[in-house]
Amino acid sequence: MPKEEEEEGGCVAGVACSIDWDTFGSIGGRKKKKKCRSKKRAKKSSGSRKGKEKVVVVEEEEEEEEEEEEEEEEEEEEEEEEEEEEEEEEEAEEEEEEEEEEEEEEEEEEEEEEEEEEEEEEEEEEAEEEEEEEEEEEEEKEEAEEAEGEQAETDSEGSGPEEPAKRTKGSNPWDCSDGDSGEDEEEEEE
């Protein structure tokens, strides 16, 4: 209980007052105050353990309440710190996940680029093969044409120049290839 309230002389709240106010009703407020205060002083001087123990108990309870409040505040602070740490961990995990996603996207893009490069290389190889096939076909045509030309030349050389047809005896009445003249034939007939 507070000291000020005791020194003023009023009845303390929570403590039973034994003054008979009907008896002292006609007496002035000063006497009433004095009587009440003197009773309290007498009670104090008597060394009542009950009052002292009550004060001690109240003080201990207040100290315990303060300690409990401090503990609660510390627990709240610890909880807040734990929550902050959890939030930081979650943010770090989210950042790691985002980095992993970005890396996966980059890998996918690289794979797509590699596939495109492979397709381009395949197309180039196919184009080169087509060109080679066309060149081979042209070479085969040229070789065939050269072979035909050579065959024609060999055929023309093998036949040689055309010779005039030989006249046989009796084929032409004017043919004298046998060395006899027409006059001899007439002489023989005669």
C-alpha atoms as a PDB file:
ATOM      1  CA  MET A   1       0.000   0.000   0.000  1.00  0.00           C
ATOM      2  CA  PRO A   2       1.311   3.529  -0.704  1.00  0.00           C
ATOM      3  CA  LYS A   3       2.971   5.566   2.071  1.00  0.00           C
ATOM      4  CA  GLU A   4       1.268   8.835   1.120  1.00  0.00           C
ATOM      5  CA  GLU A   5      -2.181   7.416   1.789  1.00  0.00           C
ATOM      6  CA  GLU A   6      -1.106   6.222   5.222  1.00  0.00           C
ATOM      7  CA  GLU A   7       0.434   9.589   6.227  1.00  0.00           C
ATOM      8  CA  GLU A   8      -2.647  11.585   5.193  1.00  0.00           C
ATOM      9  CA  GLY A   9      -4.680   9.687   7.764  1.00  0.00           C
ATOM     10  CA  GLY A  10      -7.571   8.412   5.640  1.00  0.00           C
ATOM     11  CA  CYS A  11      -8.767   4.827   5.836  1.00  0.00           C
ATOM     12  CA  VAL A  12      -6.723   2.630   3.611  1.00  0.00           C
ATOM     13  CA  ALA A  13      -8.588   0.820   0.856  1.00  0.00           C
ATOM     14  CA  GLY A  14      -8.908  -2.867   1.479  1.00  0.00           C
ATOM     15  CA  VAL A  15      -8.302  -2.554   5.273  1.00  0.00           C
ATOM     16  CA  ALA A  16     -11.254  -2.738   7.673  1.00  0.00           C
ATOM     17  CA  CYS A  17     -11.687   0.413   9.744  1.00  0.00           C
ATOM     18  CA  SER A  18     -13.034  -0.075  13.307  1.00  0.00           C
ATOM     19  CA  ILE A  19     -14.099   3.552  13.874  1.00  0.00           C
ATOM     20  CA  ASP A  20     -17.740   3.961  14.821  1.00  0.00           C
ATOM     21  CA  TRP A  21     -18.732   6.857  12.584  1.00  0.00           C
ATOM     22  CA  ASP A  22     -22.093   7.212  14.344  1.00  0.00           C
ATOM     23  CA  THR A  23     -20.308   7.908  17.641  1.00  0.00           C
ATOM     24  CA  PHE A  24     -17.814  10.297  16.124  1.00  0.00           C
ATOM     25  CA  GLY A  25     -20.293  11.853  13.687  1.00  0.00           C
ATOM     26  CA  SER A  26     -20.665  15.086  15.724  1.00  0.00           C
ATOM     27  CA  ILE A  27     -16.920  15.472  16.109  1.00  0.00           C
ATOM     28  CA  GLY A  28     -15.096  17.579  13.531  1.00  0.00           C
ATOM     29  CA  GLY A  29     -13.323  16.105  10.619  1.00  0.00           C
ATOM     30  CA  ARG A  30     -10.001  16.860  12.259  1.00  0.00           C
ATOM     31  CA  LYS A  31     -10.725  14.610  15.211  1.00  0.00           C
ATOM     32  CA  LYS A  32     -12.002  11.868  12.928  1.00  0.00           C
ATOM     33  CA  LYS A  33      -8.886  12.124  10.854  1.00  0.00           C
ATOM     34  CA  LYS A  34      -6.710  12.129  13.940  1.00  0.00           C
ATOM     35  CA  LYS A  35      -8.510   9.164  15.429  1.00  0.00           C
ATOM     36  CA  CYS A  36      -8.206   7.175  12.203  1.00  0.00           C
ATOM     37  CA  ARG A  37      -4.555   8.121  11.825  1.00  0.00           C
ATOM     38  CA  SER A  38      -3.731   7.308  15.434  1.00  0.00           C
ATOM     39  CA  LYS A  39      -5.316   3.901  15.036  1.00  0.00           C
ATOM     40  CA  LYS A  40      -3.178   3.254  11.984  1.00  0.00           C
ATOM     41  CA  ARG A  41      -0.077   4.393  13.781  1.00  0.00           C
ATOM     42  CA  ALA A  42      -0.909   2.154  16.672  1.00  0.00           C
ATOM     43  CA  LYS A  43      -1.408  -0.696  14.291  1.00  0.00           C
ATOM     44  CA  LYS A  44       1.907   0.087  12.640  1.00  0.00           C
ATOM     45  CA  SER A  45       3.762   0.414  15.903  1.00  0.00           C
ATOM     46  CA  SER A  46       2.368  -2.834  17.181  1.00  0.00           C
ATOM     47  CA  GLY A  47       4.510  -4.574  14.493  1.00  0.00           C
ATOM     48  CA  SER A  48       1.699  -6.539  12.989  1.00  0.00           C
ATOM     49  CA  ARG A  49       3.245  -9.257  10.906  1.00  0.00           C
ATOM     50  CA  LYS A  50       0.089  -9.508   8.908  1.00  0.00           C
ATOM     51  CA  GLY A  51       0.490  -6.057   7.361  1.00  0.00           C
ATOM     52  CA  LYS A  52       4.195  -6.481   6.758  1.00  0.00           C
ATOM     53  CA  GLU A  53       3.710  -9.873   5.185  1.00  0.00           C
ATOM     54  CA  LYS A  54       0.950  -8.447   3.008  1.00  0.00           C
ATOM     55  CA  VAL A  55       3.222  -5.647   1.798  1.00  0.00           C
ATOM     56  CA  VAL A  56       6.021  -8.106   1.121  1.00  0.00           C
ATOM     57  CA  VAL A  57       3.670 -10.424  -0.725  1.00  0.00           C
ATOM     58  CA  VAL A  58       2.365  -7.554  -2.854  1.00  0.00           C
ATOM     59  CA  GLU A  59       5.893  -6.437  -3.676  1.00  0.00           C
ATOM     60  CA  GLU A  60       6.915  -9.973  -4.551  1.00  0.00           C
ATOM     61  CA  GLU A  61       3.842 -10.371  -6.733  1.00  0.00           C
ATOM     62  CA  GLU A  62       4.637  -7.102  -8.500  1.00  0.00           C
ATOM     63  CA  GLU A  63       8.231  -8.197  -9.029  1.00  0.00           C
ATOM     64  CA  GLU A  64       7.056 -11.556 -10.345  1.00  0.00           C
ATOM     65  CA  GLU A  65       4.615  -9.819 -12.672  1.00  0.00           C
ATOM     66  CA  GLU A  66       7.381  -7.532 -13.903  1.00  0.00           C
ATOM     67  CA  GLU A  67       9.671 -10.503 -14.430  1.00  0.00           C
ATOM     68  CA  GLU A  68       6.907 -12.355 -16.257  1.00  0.00           C
ATOM     69  CA  GLU A  69       6.273  -9.312 -18.434  1.00  0.00           C
ATOM     70  CA  GLU A  70       9.983  -9.041 -19.175  1.00  0.00           C
ATOM     71  CA  GLU A  71      10.109 -12.748 -20.011  1.00  0.00           C
ATOM     72  CA  GLU A  72       7.073 -12.376 -22.243  1.00  0.00           C
ATOM     73  CA  GLU A  73       8.682  -9.413 -23.981  1.00  0.00           C
ATOM     74  CA  GLU A  74      11.886 -11.388 -24.441  1.00  0.00           C
ATOM     75  CA  GLU A  75       9.905 -14.333 -25.806  1.00  0.00           C
ATOM     76  CA  GLU A  76       8.054 -12.018 -28.179  1.00  0.00           C
ATOM     77  CA  GLU A  77      11.351 -10.529 -29.319  1.00  0.00           C
ATOM     78  CA  GLU A  78      12.767 -14.020 -29.836  1.00  0.00           C
ATOM     79  CA  GLU A  79       9.665 -15.023 -31.780  1.00  0.00           C
ATOM     80  CA  GLU A  80       9.962 -11.900 -33.920  1.00  0.00           C
ATOM     81  CA  GLU A  81      13.630 -12.662 -34.536  1.00  0.00           C
ATOM     82  CA  GLU A  82      12.754 -16.251 -35.456  1.00  0.00           C
ATOM     83  CA  GLU A  83      10.033 -15.010 -37.803  1.00  0.00           C
ATOM     84  CA  GLU A  84      12.486 -12.589 -39.395  1.00  0.00           C
ATOM     85  CA  GLU A  85      15.026 -15.385 -39.792  1.00  0.00           C
ATOM     86  CA  GLU A  86      12.365 -17.627 -41.327  1.00  0.00           C
ATOM     87  CA  GLU A  87      11.351 -14.846 -43.709  1.00  0.00           C
ATOM     88  CA  GLU A  88      14.989 -14.309 -44.657  1.00  0.00           C
ATOM     89  CA  GLU A  89      15.411 -18.047 -45.225  1.00  0.00           C
ATOM     90  CA  GLU A  90      12.258 -18.126 -47.350  1.00  0.00           C
ATOM     91  CA  GLU A  91      13.502 -15.159 -49.366  1.00  0.00           C
ATOM     92  CA  ALA A  92      16.861 -16.871 -49.818  1.00  0.00           C
ATOM     93  CA  GLU A  93      15.107 -20.064 -50.938  1.00  0.00           C
ATOM     94  CA  GLU A  94      12.943 -18.091 -53.368  1.00  0.00           C
ATOM     95  CA  GLU A  95      16.039 -16.389 -54.767  1.00  0.00           C
ATOM     96  CA  GLU A  96      17.740 -19.770 -55.167  1.00  0.00           C
ATOM     97  CA  GLU A  97      14.662 -21.153 -56.916  1.00  0.00           C
ATOM     98  CA  GLU A  98      14.569 -18.143 -59.238  1.00  0.00           C
ATOM     99  CA  GLU A  99      18.269 -18.582 -60.001  1.00  0.00           C
ATOM    100  CA  GLU A 100      17.714 -22.286 -60.704  1.00  0.00           C
ATOM    101  CA  GLU A 101      14.790 -21.455 -62.993  1.00  0.00           C
ATOM    102  CA  GLU A 102      16.917 -18.891 -64.828  1.00  0.00           C
ATOM    103  CA  GLU A 103      19.721 -21.431 -65.197  1.00  0.00           C
ATOM    104  CA  GLU A 104      17.250 -24.019 -66.522  1.00  0.00           C
ATOM    105  CA  GLU A 105      15.873 -21.484 -69.006  1.00  0.00           C
ATOM    106  CA  GLU A 106      19.410 -20.633 -70.128  1.00  0.00           C
ATOM    107  CA  GLU A 107      20.201 -24.335 -70.538  1.00  0.00           C
ATOM    108  CA  GLU A 108      17.023 -24.838 -72.559  1.00  0.00           C
ATOM    109  CA  GLU A 109      17.902 -21.870 -74.765  1.00  0.00           C
ATOM    110  CA  GLU A 110      21.407 -23.260 -75.264  1.00  0.00           C
ATOM    111  CA  GLU A 111      19.965 -26.674 -76.164  1.00  0.00           C
ATOM    112  CA  GLU A 112      17.578 -25.052 -78.643  1.00  0.00           C
ATOM    113  CA  GLU A 113      20.462 -23.106 -80.177  1.00  0.00           C
ATOM    114  CA  GLU A 114      22.515 -26.296 -80.438  1.00  0.00           C
ATOM    115  CA  GLU A 115      19.593 -28.095 -82.078  1.00  0.00           C
ATOM    116  CA  GLU A 116      19.174 -25.237 -84.547  1.00  0.00           C
ATOM    117  CA  GLU A 117      22.903 -25.338 -85.321  1.00  0.00           C
ATOM    118  CA  GLU A 118      22.726 -29.111 -85.838  1.00  0.00           C
ATOM    119  CA  GLU A 119      19.739 -28.691 -88.155  1.00  0.00           C
ATOM    120  CA  GLU A 120      21.598 -26.020 -90.118  1.00  0.00           C
ATOM    121  CA  GLU A 121      24.644 -28.292 -90.366  1.00  0.00           C
ATOM    122  CA  GLU A 122      22.443 -31.164 -91.556  1.00  0.00           C
ATOM    123  CA  GLU A 123      20.837 -28.904 -94.162  1.00  0.00           C
ATOM    124  CA  GLU A 124      24.283 -27.773 -95.315  1.00  0.00           C
ATOM    125  CA  GLU A 125      25.449 -31.393 -95.533  1.00  0.00           C
ATOM    126  CA  GLU A 126      22.345 -32.314 -97.537  1.00  0.00           C
ATOM    127  CA  ALA A 127      22.944 -29.371 -99.864  1.00  0.00           C
ATOM    128  CA  GLU A 128      26.576 -30.441-100.309  1.00  0.00           C
ATOM    129  CA  GLU A 129      25.488 -34.019-101.021  1.00  0.00           C
ATOM    130  CA  GLU A 130      22.997 -32.785-103.609  1.00  0.00           C
ATOM    131  CA  GLU A 131      25.708 -30.682-105.240  1.00  0.00           C
ATOM    132  CA  GLU A 132      28.052 -33.664-105.283  1.00  0.00           C
ATOM    133  CA  GLU A 133      25.331 -35.826-106.847  1.00  0.00           C
ATOM    134  CA  GLU A 134      24.671 -33.184-109.496  1.00  0.00           C
ATOM    135  CA  GLU A 135      28.400 -32.935-110.224  1.00  0.00           C
ATOM    136  CA  GLU A 136      28.641 -36.724-110.505  1.00  0.00           C
ATOM    137  CA  GLU A 137      25.675 -36.778-112.880  1.00  0.00           C
ATOM    138  CA  GLU A 138      27.274 -34.053-115.004  1.00  0.00           C
ATOM    139  CA  GLU A 139      30.570 -35.947-115.034  1.00  0.00           C
ATOM    140  CA  GLU A 140      28.761 -39.129-116.067  1.00  0.00           C
ATOM    141  CA  LYS A 141      27.011 -37.244-118.860  1.00  0.00           C
ATOM    142  CA  GLU A 142      30.295 -35.758-120.034  1.00  0.00           C
ATOM    143  CA  GLU A 143      31.968 -39.162-119.951  1.00  0.00           C
ATOM    144  CA  ALA A 144      29.075 -40.685-121.901  1.00  0.00           C
ATOM    145  CA  GLU A 145      29.258 -37.909-124.483  1.00  0.00           C
ATOM    146  CA  GLU A 146      33.029 -38.341-124.789  1.00  0.00           C
ATOM    147  CA  ALA A 147      32.627 -42.094-125.188  1.00  0.00           C
ATOM    148  CA  GLU A 148      30.015 -41.597-127.915  1.00  0.00           C
ATOM    149  CA  GLY A 149      32.299 -39.155-129.739  1.00  0.00           C
ATOM    150  CA  GLU A 150      35.247 -41.537-129.544  1.00  0.00           C
ATOM    151  CA  GLN A 151      33.071 -44.416-130.818  1.00  0.00           C
ATOM    152  CA  ALA A 152      31.910 -42.339-133.746  1.00  0.00           C
ATOM    153  CA  GLU A 153      35.501 -41.452-134.611  1.00  0.00           C
ATOM    154  CA  THR A 154      36.634 -45.077-134.460  1.00  0.00           C
ATOM    155  CA  ASP A 155      33.710 -46.137-136.625  1.00  0.00           C
ATOM    156  CA  SER A 156      34.507 -43.524-139.266  1.00  0.00           C
ATOM    157  CA  GLU A 157      38.220 -44.439-139.293  1.00  0.00           C
ATOM    158  CA  GLY A 158      37.523 -48.196-139.609  1.00  0.00           C
ATOM    159  CA  SER A 159      35.338 -47.859-142.718  1.00  0.00           C
ATOM    160  CA  GLY A 160      38.026 -45.880-144.700  1.00  0.00           C
ATOM    161  CA  PRO A 161      37.484 -44.051-148.096  1.00  0.00           C
ATOM    162  CA  GLU A 162      34.870 -45.511-150.458  1.00  0.00           C
ATOM    163  CA  GLU A 163      36.392 -47.486-153.445  1.00  0.00           C
ATOM    164  CA  PRO A 164      34.651 -47.551-156.883  1.00  0.00           C
ATOM    165  CA  ALA A 165      32.885 -50.802-157.727  1.00  0.00           C
ATOM    166  CA  LYS A 166      34.946 -53.225-159.894  1.00  0.00           C
ATOM    167  CA  ARG A 167      33.563 -54.003-163.344  1.00  0.00           C
ATOM    168  CA  THR A 168      33.184 -57.658-164.130  1.00  0.00           C
ATOM    169  CA  LYS A 169      33.421 -59.205-167.555  1.00  0.00           C
ATOM    170  CA  GLY A 170      30.197 -59.088-169.414  1.00  0.00           C
ATOM    171  CA  SER A 171      28.683 -56.607-167.170  1.00  0.00           C
ATOM    172  CA  ASN A 172      29.381 -53.841-169.595  1.00  0.00           C
ATOM    173  CA  PRO A 173      29.551 -54.467-173.402  1.00  0.00           C
ATOM    174  CA  TRP A 174      32.207 -51.857-173.727  1.00  0.00           C
ATOM    175  CA  ASP A 175      34.351 -53.319-170.953  1.00  0.00           C
ATOM    176  CA  CYS A 176      37.774 -54.385-172.301  1.00  0.00           C
ATOM    177  CA  SER A 177      39.293 -55.381-169.014  1.00  0.00           C
ATOM    178  CA  ASP A 178      40.195 -58.846-170.292  1.00  0.00           C
ATOM    179  CA  GLY A 179      42.775 -57.306-172.724  1.00  0.00           C
ATOM    180  CA  ASP A 180      40.973 -58.335-175.924  1.00  0.00           C
ATOM    181  CA  SER A 181      39.703 -55.727-178.297  1.00  0.00           C
ATOM    182  CA  GLY A 182      36.505 -55.899-180.292  1.00  0.00           C
ATOM    183  CA  GLU A 183      38.346 -56.465-183.513  1.00  0.00           C
ATOM    184  CA  ASP A 184      39.757 -59.738-182.322  1.00  0.00           C
ATOM    185  CA  GLU A 185      36.302 -60.958-181.529  1.00  0.00           C
ATOM    186  CA  GLU A 186      35.194 -60.179-185.088  1.00  0.00           C
ATOM    187  CA  GLU A 187      38.160 -62.010-186.555  1.00  0.00           C
ATOM    188  CA  GLU A 188      37.372 -65.062-184.562  1.00  0.00           C
ATOM    189  CA  GLU A 189      33.858 -65.096-185.827  1.00  0.00           C
ATOM    190  CA  GLU A 190      35.021 -64.965-189.412  1.00  0.00           C
END
